[in-house]
Amino acid sequence: MAELDDDHDLLTFAESDTRLNAEIAAVEASIVESGSDPGLEARLAALRAAAARNSRDAAAKPGETGFLSYTPRRPEAEAGA
């Protein structure tokens, strides 16, 4: 992701959710394509944990969403994914 190297601004909860989910999908696709790999599995677990933290933080700070209208994912919705 060389194009993001100069992207030093702060991300909103929605932007970080979008980026995390895109990276999760890419890692999942890599695992399907190349088979189980401990490094990829660890990265996937870390990304999923980051997405869960992002949702918890957004839910705990509803006043910070304001006009950005980010609605955090509910953990039970992720369990079915």
PDB file of N, CA and C in Angstrom:
ATOM      1  N   MET A   1       0.825  -1.186   0.000  1.00  0.00           N
ATOM      2  CA  MET A   1       0.000   0.000   0.000  1.00  0.00           C
ATOM      3  C   MET A   1       0.866   1.245   0.000  1.00  0.00           C
ATOM      4  N   ALA A   2       1.709   1.360  -0.956  1.00  0.00           N
ATOM      5  CA  ALA A   2       2.627   2.487  -1.034  1.00  0.00           C
ATOM      6  C   ALA A   2       1.889   3.817  -1.109  1.00  0.00           C
ATOM      7  N   GLU A   3       0.720   3.847  -1.717  1.00  0.00           N
ATOM      8  CA  GLU A   3      -0.012   5.098  -1.855  1.00  0.00           C
ATOM      9  C   GLU A   3      -0.470   5.653  -0.512  1.00  0.00           C
ATOM     10  N   LEU A   4      -0.475   4.852   0.545  1.00  0.00           N
ATOM     11  CA  LEU A   4      -0.895   5.309   1.862  1.00  0.00           C
ATOM     12  C   LEU A   4       0.269   5.809   2.709  1.00  0.00           C
ATOM     13  N   ASP A   5       1.483   5.696   2.204  1.00  0.00           N
ATOM     14  CA  ASP A   5       2.649   6.093   2.986  1.00  0.00           C
ATOM     15  C   ASP A   5       2.603   7.555   3.418  1.00  0.00           C
ATOM     16  N   ASP A   6       2.023   8.416   2.608  1.00  0.00           N
ATOM     17  CA  ASP A   6       1.971   9.836   2.933  1.00  0.00           C
ATOM     18  C   ASP A   6       0.672  10.230   3.619  1.00  0.00           C
ATOM     19  N   ASP A   7      -0.136   9.269   3.966  1.00  0.00           N
ATOM     20  CA  ASP A   7      -1.441   9.521   4.571  1.00  0.00           C
ATOM     21  C   ASP A   7      -1.286   9.559   6.089  1.00  0.00           C
ATOM     22  N   HIS A   8      -0.990  10.744   6.624  1.00  0.00           N
ATOM     23  CA  HIS A   8      -0.712  10.870   8.046  1.00  0.00           C
ATOM     24  C   HIS A   8      -1.850  11.515   8.832  1.00  0.00           C
ATOM     25  N   ASP A   9      -2.987  11.746   8.178  1.00  0.00           N
ATOM     26  CA  ASP A   9      -4.091  12.346   8.902  1.00  0.00           C
ATOM     27  C   ASP A   9      -4.765  11.305   9.794  1.00  0.00           C
ATOM     28  N   LEU A  10      -5.533  11.769  10.753  1.00  0.00           N
ATOM     29  CA  LEU A  10      -6.253  10.867  11.638  1.00  0.00           C
ATOM     30  C   LEU A  10      -7.447  10.281  10.901  1.00  0.00           C
ATOM     31  N   LEU A  11      -7.735   9.029  11.165  1.00  0.00           N
ATOM     32  CA  LEU A  11      -8.865   8.374  10.524  1.00  0.00           C
ATOM     33  C   LEU A  11     -10.089   8.456  11.417  1.00  0.00           C
ATOM     34  N   THR A  12     -11.237   8.607  10.793  1.00  0.00           N
ATOM     35  CA  THR A  12     -12.482   8.505  11.543  1.00  0.00           C
ATOM     36  C   THR A  12     -12.732   7.034  11.832  1.00  0.00           C
ATOM     37  N   PHE A  13     -13.682   6.740  12.712  1.00  0.00           N
ATOM     38  CA  PHE A  13     -14.029   5.353  12.972  1.00  0.00           C
ATOM     39  C   PHE A  13     -14.475   4.675  11.678  1.00  0.00           C
ATOM     40  N   ALA A  14     -15.240   5.367  10.845  1.00  0.00           N
ATOM     41  CA  ALA A  14     -15.730   4.773   9.599  1.00  0.00           C
ATOM     42  C   ALA A  14     -14.587   4.469   8.637  1.00  0.00           C
ATOM     43  N   GLU A  15     -13.637   5.399   8.517  1.00  0.00           N
ATOM     44  CA  GLU A  15     -12.497   5.179   7.625  1.00  0.00           C
ATOM     45  C   GLU A  15     -11.642   4.007   8.093  1.00  0.00           C
ATOM     46  N   SER A  16     -11.393   3.945   9.391  1.00  0.00           N
ATOM     47  CA  SER A  16     -10.580   2.835   9.880  1.00  0.00           C
ATOM     48  C   SER A  16     -11.328   1.521   9.728  1.00  0.00           C
ATOM     49  N   ASP A  17     -12.636   1.524   9.909  1.00  0.00           N
ATOM     50  CA  ASP A  17     -13.436   0.317   9.703  1.00  0.00           C
ATOM     51  C   ASP A  17     -13.333  -0.147   8.253  1.00  0.00           C
ATOM     52  N   THR A  18     -13.434   0.785   7.325  1.00  0.00           N
ATOM     53  CA  THR A  18     -13.346   0.451   5.906  1.00  0.00           C
ATOM     54  C   THR A  18     -11.987  -0.138   5.566  1.00  0.00           C
ATOM     55  N   ARG A  19     -10.936   0.489   6.051  1.00  0.00           N
ATOM     56  CA  ARG A  19      -9.583  -0.003   5.765  1.00  0.00           C
ATOM     57  C   ARG A  19      -9.322  -1.352   6.416  1.00  0.00           C
ATOM     58  N   LEU A  20      -9.765  -1.508   7.658  1.00  0.00           N
ATOM     59  CA  LEU A  20      -9.574  -2.792   8.341  1.00  0.00           C
ATOM     60  C   LEU A  20     -10.315  -3.909   7.616  1.00  0.00           C
ATOM     61  N   ASN A  21     -11.545  -3.662   7.226  1.00  0.00           N
ATOM     62  CA  ASN A  21     -12.322  -4.699   6.546  1.00  0.00           C
ATOM     63  C   ASN A  21     -11.740  -5.047   5.183  1.00  0.00           C
ATOM     64  N   ALA A  22     -11.193  -4.060   4.480  1.00  0.00           N
ATOM     65  CA  ALA A  22     -10.551  -4.342   3.194  1.00  0.00           C
ATOM     66  C   ALA A  22      -9.310  -5.213   3.404  1.00  0.00           C
ATOM     67  N   GLU A  23      -8.536  -4.907   4.429  1.00  0.00           N
ATOM     68  CA  GLU A  23      -7.331  -5.693   4.702  1.00  0.00           C
ATOM     69  C   GLU A  23      -7.692  -7.092   5.201  1.00  0.00           C
ATOM     70  N   ILE A  24      -8.745  -7.199   6.016  1.00  0.00           N
ATOM     71  CA  ILE A  24      -9.208  -8.516   6.469  1.00  0.00           C
ATOM     72  C   ILE A  24      -9.607  -9.368   5.263  1.00  0.00           C
ATOM     73  N   ALA A  25     -10.346  -8.785   4.342  1.00  0.00           N
ATOM     74  CA  ALA A  25     -10.769  -9.519   3.145  1.00  0.00           C
ATOM     75  C   ALA A  25      -9.564  -9.955   2.314  1.00  0.00           C
ATOM     76  N   ALA A  26      -8.558  -9.089   2.203  1.00  0.00           N
ATOM     77  CA  ALA A  26      -7.361  -9.429   1.428  1.00  0.00           C
ATOM     78  C   ALA A  26      -6.594 -10.578   2.076  1.00  0.00           C
ATOM     79  N   VAL A  27      -6.470 -10.546   3.393  1.00  0.00           N
ATOM     80  CA  VAL A  27      -5.749 -11.619   4.086  1.00  0.00           C
ATOM     81  C   VAL A  27      -6.534 -12.922   4.006  1.00  0.00           C
ATOM     82  N   GLU A  28      -7.856 -12.844   4.161  1.00  0.00           N
ATOM     83  CA  GLU A  28      -8.680 -14.042   4.023  1.00  0.00           C
ATOM     84  C   GLU A  28      -8.533 -14.647   2.630  1.00  0.00           C
ATOM     85  N   ALA A  29      -8.502 -13.807   1.604  1.00  0.00           N
ATOM     86  CA  ALA A  29      -8.325 -14.292   0.236  1.00  0.00           C
ATOM     87  C   ALA A  29      -6.960 -14.946   0.062  1.00  0.00           C
ATOM     88  N   SER A  30      -5.935 -14.368   0.681  1.00  0.00           N
ATOM     89  CA  SER A  30      -4.590 -14.953   0.611  1.00  0.00           C
ATOM     90  C   SER A  30      -4.555 -16.320   1.270  1.00  0.00           C
ATOM     91  N   ILE A  31      -5.262 -16.467   2.377  1.00  0.00           N
ATOM     92  CA  ILE A  31      -5.304 -17.755   3.074  1.00  0.00           C
ATOM     93  C   ILE A  31      -6.016 -18.792   2.215  1.00  0.00           C
ATOM     94  N   VAL A  32      -7.113 -18.395   1.582  1.00  0.00           N
ATOM     95  CA  VAL A  32      -7.847 -19.321   0.712  1.00  0.00           C
ATOM     96  C   VAL A  32      -6.975 -19.722  -0.470  1.00  0.00           C
ATOM     97  N   GLU A  33      -6.269 -18.750  -1.028  1.00  0.00           N
ATOM     98  CA  GLU A  33      -5.446 -18.988  -2.219  1.00  0.00           C
ATOM     99  C   GLU A  33      -4.213 -19.835  -1.925  1.00  0.00           C
ATOM    100  N   SER A  34      -3.534 -19.526  -0.822  1.00  0.00           N
ATOM    101  CA  SER A  34      -2.257 -20.196  -0.569  1.00  0.00           C
ATOM    102  C   SER A  34      -2.320 -21.248   0.530  1.00  0.00           C
ATOM    103  N   GLY A  35      -3.455 -21.385   1.162  1.00  0.00           N
ATOM    104  CA  GLY A  35      -3.569 -22.348   2.252  1.00  0.00           C
ATOM    105  C   GLY A  35      -3.197 -21.722   3.577  1.00  0.00           C
ATOM    106  N   SER A  36      -3.335 -22.497   4.613  1.00  0.00           N
ATOM    107  CA  SER A  36      -3.064 -22.000   5.951  1.00  0.00           C
ATOM    108  C   SER A  36      -1.594 -21.632   6.102  1.00  0.00           C
ATOM    109  N   ASP A  37      -1.364 -20.468   6.671  1.00  0.00           N
ATOM    110  CA  ASP A  37      -0.010 -19.972   6.909  1.00  0.00           C
ATOM    111  C   ASP A  37      -0.037 -19.315   8.280  1.00  0.00           C
ATOM    112  N   PRO A  38       0.838 -19.739   9.187  1.00  0.00           N
ATOM    113  CA  PRO A  38       0.808 -19.174  10.542  1.00  0.00           C
ATOM    114  C   PRO A  38       0.934 -17.647  10.575  1.00  0.00           C
ATOM    115  N   GLY A  39       1.739 -17.094   9.699  1.00  0.00           N
ATOM    116  CA  GLY A  39       1.899 -15.640   9.650  1.00  0.00           C
ATOM    117  C   GLY A  39       0.619 -14.943   9.224  1.00  0.00           C
ATOM    118  N   LEU A  40      -0.035 -15.487   8.190  1.00  0.00           N
ATOM    119  CA  LEU A  40      -1.292 -14.909   7.732  1.00  0.00           C
ATOM    120  C   LEU A  40      -2.387 -15.078   8.767  1.00  0.00           C
ATOM    121  N   GLU A  41      -2.415 -16.232   9.418  1.00  0.00           N
ATOM    122  CA  GLU A  41      -3.424 -16.482  10.452  1.00  0.00           C
ATOM    123  C   GLU A  41      -3.246 -15.492  11.611  1.00  0.00           C
ATOM    124  N   ALA A  42      -1.994 -15.231  11.993  1.00  0.00           N
ATOM    125  CA  ALA A  42      -1.719 -14.274  13.069  1.00  0.00           C
ATOM    126  C   ALA A  42      -2.130 -12.866  12.661  1.00  0.00           C
ATOM    127  N   ARG A  43      -1.836 -12.504  11.403  1.00  0.00           N
ATOM    128  CA  ARG A  43      -2.231 -11.177  10.917  1.00  0.00           C
ATOM    129  C   ARG A  43      -3.735 -11.040  10.890  1.00  0.00           C
ATOM    130  N   LEU A  44      -4.415 -12.079  10.446  1.00  0.00           N
ATOM    131  CA  LEU A  44      -5.879 -12.050  10.401  1.00  0.00           C
ATOM    132  C   LEU A  44      -6.453 -11.881  11.809  1.00  0.00           C
ATOM    133  N   ALA A  45      -5.914 -12.600  12.780  1.00  0.00           N
ATOM    134  CA  ALA A  45      -6.381 -12.476  14.162  1.00  0.00           C
ATOM    135  C   ALA A  45      -6.151 -11.054  14.687  1.00  0.00           C
ATOM    136  N   ALA A  46      -4.995 -10.480  14.375  1.00  0.00           N
ATOM    137  CA  ALA A  46      -4.687  -9.120  14.825  1.00  0.00           C
ATOM    138  C   ALA A  46      -5.616  -8.097  14.176  1.00  0.00           C
ATOM    139  N   LEU A  47      -5.885  -8.269  12.886  1.00  0.00           N
ATOM    140  CA  LEU A  47      -6.795  -7.350  12.192  1.00  0.00           C
ATOM    141  C   LEU A  47      -8.213  -7.446  12.741  1.00  0.00           C
ATOM    142  N   ARG A  48      -8.664  -8.665  13.005  1.00  0.00           N
ATOM    143  CA  ARG A  48     -10.006  -8.842  13.577  1.00  0.00           C
ATOM    144  C   ARG A  48     -10.088  -8.226  14.969  1.00  0.00           C
ATOM    145  N   ALA A  49      -9.031  -8.367  15.746  1.00  0.00           N
ATOM    146  CA  ALA A  49      -9.000  -7.749  17.076  1.00  0.00           C
ATOM    147  C   ALA A  49      -9.033  -6.224  16.963  1.00  0.00           C
ATOM    148  N   ALA A  50      -8.316  -5.683  16.002  1.00  0.00           N
ATOM    149  CA  ALA A  50      -8.317  -4.232  15.792  1.00  0.00           C
ATOM    150  C   ALA A  50      -9.702  -3.749  15.379  1.00  0.00           C
ATOM    151  N   ALA A  51     -10.374  -4.503  14.522  1.00  0.00           N
ATOM    152  CA  ALA A  51     -11.730  -4.127  14.098  1.00  0.00           C
ATOM    153  C   ALA A  51     -12.681  -4.160  15.290  1.00  0.00           C
ATOM    154  N   ALA A  52     -12.533  -5.149  16.149  1.00  0.00           N
ATOM    155  CA  ALA A  52     -13.383  -5.234  17.343  1.00  0.00           C
ATOM    156  C   ALA A  52     -13.115  -4.057  18.279  1.00  0.00           C
ATOM    157  N   ARG A  53     -11.836  -3.696  18.465  1.00  0.00           N
ATOM    158  CA  ARG A  53     -11.489  -2.534  19.300  1.00  0.00           C
ATOM    159  C   ARG A  53     -12.065  -1.261  18.717  1.00  0.00           C
ATOM    160  N   ASN A  54     -11.983  -1.120  17.410  1.00  0.00           N
ATOM    161  CA  ASN A  54     -12.494   0.064  16.741  1.00  0.00           C
ATOM    162  C   ASN A  54     -13.997   0.206  17.006  1.00  0.00           C
ATOM    163  N   SER A  55     -14.721  -0.898  16.909  1.00  0.00           N
ATOM    164  CA  SER A  55     -16.159  -0.861  17.147  1.00  0.00           C
ATOM    165  C   SER A  55     -16.473  -0.555  18.609  1.00  0.00           C
ATOM    166  N   ARG A  56     -15.714  -1.162  19.532  1.00  0.00           N
ATOM    167  CA  ARG A  56     -15.916  -0.887  20.963  1.00  0.00           C
ATOM    168  C   ARG A  56     -15.636   0.576  21.267  1.00  0.00           C
ATOM    169  N   ASP A  57     -14.556   1.104  20.723  1.00  0.00           N
ATOM    170  CA  ASP A  57     -14.210   2.502  20.974  1.00  0.00           C
ATOM    171  C   ASP A  57     -15.278   3.442  20.423  1.00  0.00           C
ATOM    172  N   ALA A  58     -15.786   3.151  19.247  1.00  0.00           N
ATOM    173  CA  ALA A  58     -16.812   3.995  18.647  1.00  0.00           C
ATOM    174  C   ALA A  58     -18.093   3.938  19.464  1.00  0.00           C
ATOM    175  N   ALA A  59     -18.448   2.754  19.952  1.00  0.00           N
ATOM    176  CA  ALA A  59     -19.660   2.606  20.745  1.00  0.00           C
ATOM    177  C   ALA A  59     -19.522   3.313  22.089  1.00  0.00           C
ATOM    178  N   ALA A  60     -18.308   3.312  22.643  1.00  0.00           N
ATOM    179  CA  ALA A  60     -18.074   3.936  23.947  1.00  0.00           C
ATOM    180  C   ALA A  60     -17.995   5.449  23.853  1.00  0.00           C
ATOM    181  N   LYS A  61     -17.785   5.967  22.656  1.00  0.00           N
ATOM    182  CA  LYS A  61     -17.623   7.411  22.468  1.00  0.00           C
ATOM    183  C   LYS A  61     -18.614   7.912  21.417  1.00  0.00           C
ATOM    184  N   PRO A  62     -19.905   7.736  21.665  1.00  0.00           N
ATOM    185  CA  PRO A  62     -20.883   8.089  20.629  1.00  0.00           C
ATOM    186  C   PRO A  62     -20.871   9.559  20.249  1.00  0.00           C
ATOM    187  N   GLY A  63     -20.475  10.438  21.163  1.00  0.00           N
ATOM    188  CA  GLY A  63     -20.425  11.862  20.848  1.00  0.00           C
ATOM    189  C   GLY A  63     -19.357  12.197  19.831  1.00  0.00           C
ATOM    190  N   GLU A  64     -18.405  11.299  19.632  1.00  0.00           N
ATOM    191  CA  GLU A  64     -17.325  11.561  18.694  1.00  0.00           C
ATOM    192  C   GLU A  64     -17.675  11.145  17.273  1.00  0.00           C
ATOM    193  N   THR A  65     -18.826  10.501  17.093  1.00  0.00           N
ATOM    194  CA  THR A  65     -19.203  10.111  15.733  1.00  0.00           C
ATOM    195  C   THR A  65     -19.868  11.280  15.026  1.00  0.00           C
ATOM    196  N   GLY A  66     -20.723  12.018  15.733  1.00  0.00           N
ATOM    197  CA  GLY A  66     -21.344  13.229  15.197  1.00  0.00           C
ATOM    198  C   GLY A  66     -21.811  13.097  13.765  1.00  0.00           C
ATOM    199  N   PHE A  67     -21.409  14.048  12.939  1.00  0.00           N
ATOM    200  CA  PHE A  67     -21.839  14.084  11.547  1.00  0.00           C
ATOM    201  C   PHE A  67     -21.271  12.946  10.719  1.00  0.00           C
ATOM    202  N   LEU A  68     -20.314  12.224  11.254  1.00  0.00           N
ATOM    203  CA  LEU A  68     -19.692  11.138  10.497  1.00  0.00           C
ATOM    204  C   LEU A  68     -20.593   9.916  10.411  1.00  0.00           C
ATOM    205  N   SER A  69     -21.553   9.816  11.289  1.00  0.00           N
ATOM    206  CA  SER A  69     -22.584   8.774  11.256  1.00  0.00           C
ATOM    207  C   SER A  69     -22.036   7.359  11.215  1.00  0.00           C
ATOM    208  N   TYR A  70     -20.999   7.090  11.952  1.00  0.00           N
ATOM    209  CA  TYR A  70     -20.465   5.732  12.007  1.00  0.00           C
ATOM    210  C   TYR A  70     -21.275   4.914  12.998  1.00  0.00           C
ATOM    211  N   THR A  71     -21.735   3.764  12.584  1.00  0.00           N
ATOM    212  CA  THR A  71     -22.440   2.850  13.463  1.00  0.00           C
ATOM    213  C   THR A  71     -21.559   1.630  13.658  1.00  0.00           C
ATOM    214  N   PRO A  72     -21.082   1.406  14.882  1.00  0.00           N
ATOM    215  CA  PRO A  72     -20.197   0.270  15.107  1.00  0.00           C
ATOM    216  C   PRO A  72     -20.891  -1.057  14.852  1.00  0.00           C
ATOM    217  N   ARG A  73     -20.118  -2.024  14.434  1.00  0.00           N
ATOM    218  CA  ARG A  73     -20.648  -3.372  14.231  1.00  0.00           C
ATOM    219  C   ARG A  73     -20.913  -3.992  15.589  1.00  0.00           C
ATOM    220  N   ARG A  74     -21.944  -4.796  15.662  1.00  0.00           N
ATOM    221  CA  ARG A  74     -22.232  -5.502  16.901  1.00  0.00           C
ATOM    222  C   ARG A  74     -21.485  -6.828  16.881  1.00  0.00           C
ATOM    223  N   PRO A  75     -20.868  -7.229  18.005  1.00  0.00           N
ATOM    224  CA  PRO A  75     -20.092  -8.474  18.048  1.00  0.00           C
ATOM    225  C   PRO A  75     -20.891  -9.683  17.586  1.00  0.00           C
ATOM    226  N   GLU A  76     -22.172  -9.749  17.906  1.00  0.00           N
ATOM    227  CA  GLU A  76     -22.959 -10.918  17.477  1.00  0.00           C
ATOM    228  C   GLU A  76     -23.105 -10.960  15.968  1.00  0.00           C
ATOM    229  N   ALA A  77     -23.043  -9.813  15.294  1.00  0.00           N
ATOM    230  CA  ALA A  77     -23.104  -9.789  13.828  1.00  0.00           C
ATOM    231  C   ALA A  77     -21.821 -10.366  13.235  1.00  0.00           C
ATOM    232  N   GLU A  78     -20.688 -10.137  13.909  1.00  0.00           N
ATOM    233  CA  GLU A  78     -19.403 -10.648  13.421  1.00  0.00           C
ATOM    234  C   GLU A  78     -19.287 -12.144  13.638  1.00  0.00           C
ATOM    235  N   ALA A  79     -19.946 -12.661  14.658  1.00  0.00           N
ATOM    236  CA  ALA A  79     -19.843 -14.089  14.959  1.00  0.00           C
ATOM    237  C   ALA A  79     -20.370 -14.943  13.813  1.00  0.00           C
ATOM    238  N   GLY A  80     -21.359 -14.430  13.095  1.00  0.00           N
ATOM    239  CA  GLY A  80     -21.917 -15.165  11.966  1.00  0.00           C
ATOM    240  C   GLY A  80     -21.127 -15.012  10.700  1.00  0.00           C
ATOM    241  N   ALA A  81     -20.156 -14.100  10.696  1.00  0.00           N
ATOM    242  CA  ALA A  81     -19.378 -13.827   9.471  1.00  0.00           C
ATOM    243  C   ALA A  81     -18.311 -14.848   9.257  1.00  0.00           C
TER     244      ALA A  81
END
